Structure formats: structure tokens, C-alpha cells
Amino acid sequence: MAAHLAPDVVMYQAPSLPYGGTWRGHDGMERFMAVMSELWSELTFREQHYAVDGETVTVRNDCVFRARATGREVDTSVLQWITVRDGLVSEFRPFYLDTSAVLAALRG
């Protein structure tokens, strides 16, 4: 994955999520992925739809998350606004359809 990311890549996650905040650079993305795998045992992307406008890519993901600690599933959609610069991803901005459902699955 790192080969497709700009060195200064940034991901902005909703502050209300346990992995919320700003994740910077390849190290930040590695730490983000580690936190996600601690929290979720499964991430299944059933369907994805893309729209491209210059350097902006919008991806709608219909997905199911399974919380590692509780075993609860969330069937939801996540919209990602991705910026590409010089052929590399420089920014991710994911928007969850229902962050409350995500939090409920994680907390049990």
C-alpha cells in the first residue's frame, strides 16, 4: 500500500471514533492500520462505486465491519474523498453513514 501513498499522506478520521484524528505520513498510516486491526476482526467491502474528477476520487463503500471485542457487526456505508497528487494518494477523508452504530458495535 505504501507504494501508492505520498510521503506526506494525511488521513482525517471522525474525532468521535476511537481511531479518530489526523494520521500523517507512512508511519501514521501504519499506526492507523494497526489500530483498525486491533478493533475490527473483519472488514468486508461488498460493493464500491467510484467517481473521478481530476485529482479527486470519491469512493462509496458498502461494507460490513465486525468488532473484535464484541463480535457485533455494522452494515453501513463509508464515503471516502481521496486526493491524488503526482499519481500518489495524498489525502483521505472518510465519512461514515452512522458513526453511532460504529461506536455501539465497538462498545457492545
C-alpha atoms as a PDB file:
ATOM      1  CA  MET A   1       0.000   0.000   0.000  1.00  0.00           C
ATOM      2  CA  ALA A   2       2.835   2.418   0.868  1.00  0.00           C
ATOM      3  CA  ALA A   3       3.994   2.451  -2.759  1.00  0.00           C
ATOM      4  CA  HIS A   4       0.739   4.231  -3.667  1.00  0.00           C
ATOM      5  CA  LEU A   5       0.898   6.839  -0.897  1.00  0.00           C
ATOM      6  CA  ALA A   6       2.631  10.211  -0.985  1.00  0.00           C
ATOM      7  CA  PRO A   7       5.295  10.538   1.739  1.00  0.00           C
ATOM      8  CA  ASP A   8       3.215  13.301   3.346  1.00  0.00           C
ATOM      9  CA  VAL A   9      -0.132  11.472   3.033  1.00  0.00           C
ATOM     10  CA  VAL A  10      -2.788  12.542   5.552  1.00  0.00           C
ATOM     11  CA  MET A  11      -5.923  10.744   6.733  1.00  0.00           C
ATOM     12  CA  TYR A  12      -8.616  12.605   8.666  1.00  0.00           C
ATOM     13  CA  GLN A  13     -10.895  10.340  10.712  1.00  0.00           C
ATOM     14  CA  ALA A  14     -14.016  11.500  12.594  1.00  0.00           C
ATOM     15  CA  PRO A  15     -12.902  12.701  16.045  1.00  0.00           C
ATOM     16  CA  SER A  16     -15.680  10.740  17.776  1.00  0.00           C
ATOM     17  CA  LEU A  17     -14.203   7.392  16.674  1.00  0.00           C
ATOM     18  CA  PRO A  18     -11.586   5.524  18.749  1.00  0.00           C
ATOM     19  CA  TYR A  19      -9.237   5.901  15.765  1.00  0.00           C
ATOM     20  CA  GLY A  20     -10.327   9.492  15.182  1.00  0.00           C
ATOM     21  CA  GLY A  21      -7.979  12.326  14.444  1.00  0.00           C
ATOM     22  CA  THR A  22      -5.309  13.078  11.895  1.00  0.00           C
ATOM     23  CA  TRP A  23      -2.876  10.382  10.740  1.00  0.00           C
ATOM     24  CA  ARG A  24       0.200  11.685   8.884  1.00  0.00           C
ATOM     25  CA  GLY A  25       2.811  10.069   6.672  1.00  0.00           C
ATOM     26  CA  HIS A  26       3.565   6.410   6.072  1.00  0.00           C
ATOM     27  CA  ASP A  27       4.197   5.893   9.791  1.00  0.00           C
ATOM     28  CA  GLY A  28       0.805   7.389  10.626  1.00  0.00           C
ATOM     29  CA  MET A  29      -0.916   5.143   8.118  1.00  0.00           C
ATOM     30  CA  GLU A  30       0.825   2.076   9.577  1.00  0.00           C
ATOM     31  CA  ARG A  31      -0.287   3.075  13.083  1.00  0.00           C
ATOM     32  CA  PHE A  32      -3.843   3.675  11.834  1.00  0.00           C
ATOM     33  CA  MET A  33      -3.957   0.233  10.203  1.00  0.00           C
ATOM     34  CA  ALA A  34      -2.656  -1.360  13.417  1.00  0.00           C
ATOM     35  CA  VAL A  35      -5.411   0.313  15.468  1.00  0.00           C
ATOM     36  CA  MET A  36      -8.054  -0.730  12.945  1.00  0.00           C
ATOM     37  CA  SER A  37      -6.915  -4.359  13.079  1.00  0.00           C
ATOM     38  CA  GLU A  38      -6.978  -4.269  16.903  1.00  0.00           C
ATOM     39  CA  LEU A  39     -10.592  -3.065  16.841  1.00  0.00           C
ATOM     40  CA  TRP A  40     -12.078  -4.908  13.849  1.00  0.00           C
ATOM     41  CA  SER A  41     -11.733  -8.619  13.111  1.00  0.00           C
ATOM     42  CA  GLU A  42     -13.340  -8.280   9.677  1.00  0.00           C
ATOM     43  CA  LEU A  43     -13.884  -5.551   7.109  1.00  0.00           C
ATOM     44  CA  THR A  44     -15.874  -6.736   4.118  1.00  0.00           C
ATOM     45  CA  PHE A  45     -16.409  -4.371   1.212  1.00  0.00           C
ATOM     46  CA  ARG A  46     -19.466  -5.709  -0.626  1.00  0.00           C
ATOM     47  CA  GLU A  47     -19.719  -3.012  -3.218  1.00  0.00           C
ATOM     48  CA  GLN A  48     -17.684   0.020  -4.250  1.00  0.00           C
ATOM     49  CA  HIS A  49     -18.566   2.872  -6.583  1.00  0.00           C
ATOM     50  CA  TYR A  50     -16.010   5.386  -7.848  1.00  0.00           C
ATOM     51  CA  ALA A  51     -16.233   8.879  -9.298  1.00  0.00           C
ATOM     52  CA  VAL A  52     -13.135  10.691 -10.554  1.00  0.00           C
ATOM     53  CA  ASP A  53     -12.797  14.435 -11.125  1.00  0.00           C
ATOM     54  CA  GLY A  54      -9.210  15.439 -11.815  1.00  0.00           C
ATOM     55  CA  GLU A  55      -7.185  14.743  -8.679  1.00  0.00           C
ATOM     56  CA  THR A  56     -10.261  13.968  -6.578  1.00  0.00           C
ATOM     57  CA  VAL A  57     -11.631  10.437  -6.297  1.00  0.00           C
ATOM     58  CA  THR A  58     -14.836   9.713  -4.417  1.00  0.00           C
ATOM     59  CA  VAL A  59     -15.483   6.131  -3.352  1.00  0.00           C
ATOM     60  CA  ARG A  60     -18.722   4.857  -1.847  1.00  0.00           C
ATOM     61  CA  ASN A  61     -18.110   1.645   0.068  1.00  0.00           C
ATOM     62  CA  ASP A  62     -20.993  -0.563   1.172  1.00  0.00           C
ATOM     63  CA  CYS A  63     -19.379  -2.616   3.881  1.00  0.00           C
ATOM     64  CA  VAL A  64     -19.695  -4.754   6.975  1.00  0.00           C
ATOM     65  CA  PHE A  65     -17.397  -4.301   9.976  1.00  0.00           C
ATOM     66  CA  ARG A  66     -17.134  -6.923  12.756  1.00  0.00           C
ATOM     67  CA  ALA A  67     -15.858  -5.672  16.115  1.00  0.00           C
ATOM     68  CA  ARG A  68     -13.116  -7.849  17.567  1.00  0.00           C
ATOM     69  CA  ALA A  69     -14.057  -7.272  21.235  1.00  0.00           C
ATOM     70  CA  THR A  70     -17.842  -7.671  20.932  1.00  0.00           C
ATOM     71  CA  GLY A  71     -18.382  -9.727  17.770  1.00  0.00           C
ATOM     72  CA  ARG A  72     -21.050  -7.229  16.720  1.00  0.00           C
ATOM     73  CA  GLU A  73     -21.416  -6.288  13.065  1.00  0.00           C
ATOM     74  CA  VAL A  74     -22.123  -2.932  11.474  1.00  0.00           C
ATOM     75  CA  ASP A  75     -23.652  -2.967   7.995  1.00  0.00           C
ATOM     76  CA  THR A  76     -23.066   0.535   6.688  1.00  0.00           C
ATOM     77  CA  SER A  77     -21.662   2.803   4.012  1.00  0.00           C
ATOM     78  CA  VAL A  78     -18.482   4.831   4.104  1.00  0.00           C
ATOM     79  CA  LEU A  79     -17.852   7.586   1.596  1.00  0.00           C
ATOM     80  CA  GLN A  80     -14.200   8.434   1.023  1.00  0.00           C
ATOM     81  CA  TRP A  81     -12.935  11.612  -0.538  1.00  0.00           C
ATOM     82  CA  ILE A  82      -9.412  10.874  -1.791  1.00  0.00           C
ATOM     83  CA  THR A  83      -6.930  13.337  -3.264  1.00  0.00           C
ATOM     84  CA  VAL A  84      -4.264  12.141  -5.699  1.00  0.00           C
ATOM     85  CA  ARG A  85      -1.163  14.207  -6.373  1.00  0.00           C
ATOM     86  CA  ASP A  86       1.538  13.191  -8.874  1.00  0.00           C
ATOM     87  CA  GLY A  87      -0.007   9.716  -9.131  1.00  0.00           C
ATOM     88  CA  LEU A  88       0.081   9.097  -5.347  1.00  0.00           C
ATOM     89  CA  VAL A  89      -2.672   9.328  -2.737  1.00  0.00           C
ATOM     90  CA  SER A  90      -2.029  12.447  -0.660  1.00  0.00           C
ATOM     91  CA  GLU A  91      -5.222  12.661   1.410  1.00  0.00           C
ATOM     92  CA  PHE A  92      -8.083  10.501   2.690  1.00  0.00           C
ATOM     93  CA  ARG A  93     -11.275  11.922   4.189  1.00  0.00           C
ATOM     94  CA  PRO A  94     -13.698   9.106   5.113  1.00  0.00           C
ATOM     95  CA  PHE A  95     -17.302   9.919   6.078  1.00  0.00           C
ATOM     96  CA  TYR A  96     -19.303   7.229   7.888  1.00  0.00           C
ATOM     97  CA  LEU A  97     -23.049   6.951   7.340  1.00  0.00           C
ATOM     98  CA  ASP A  98     -23.573   6.239  11.060  1.00  0.00           C
ATOM     99  CA  THR A  99     -20.695   6.770  13.500  1.00  0.00           C
ATOM    100  CA  SER A 100     -23.073   5.968  16.397  1.00  0.00           C
ATOM    101  CA  ALA A 101     -23.598   2.451  15.042  1.00  0.00           C
ATOM    102  CA  VAL A 102     -19.847   2.020  14.664  1.00  0.00           C
ATOM    103  CA  LEU A 103     -19.299   3.093  18.284  1.00  0.00           C
ATOM    104  CA  ALA A 104     -22.131   0.836  19.540  1.00  0.00           C
ATOM    105  CA  ALA A 105     -20.590  -2.193  17.822  1.00  0.00           C
ATOM    106  CA  LEU A 106     -17.203  -1.469  19.358  1.00  0.00           C
ATOM    107  CA  ARG A 107     -18.576  -0.878  22.868  1.00  0.00           C
ATOM    108  CA  GLY A 108     -21.143  -3.639  22.965  1.00  0.00           C
END
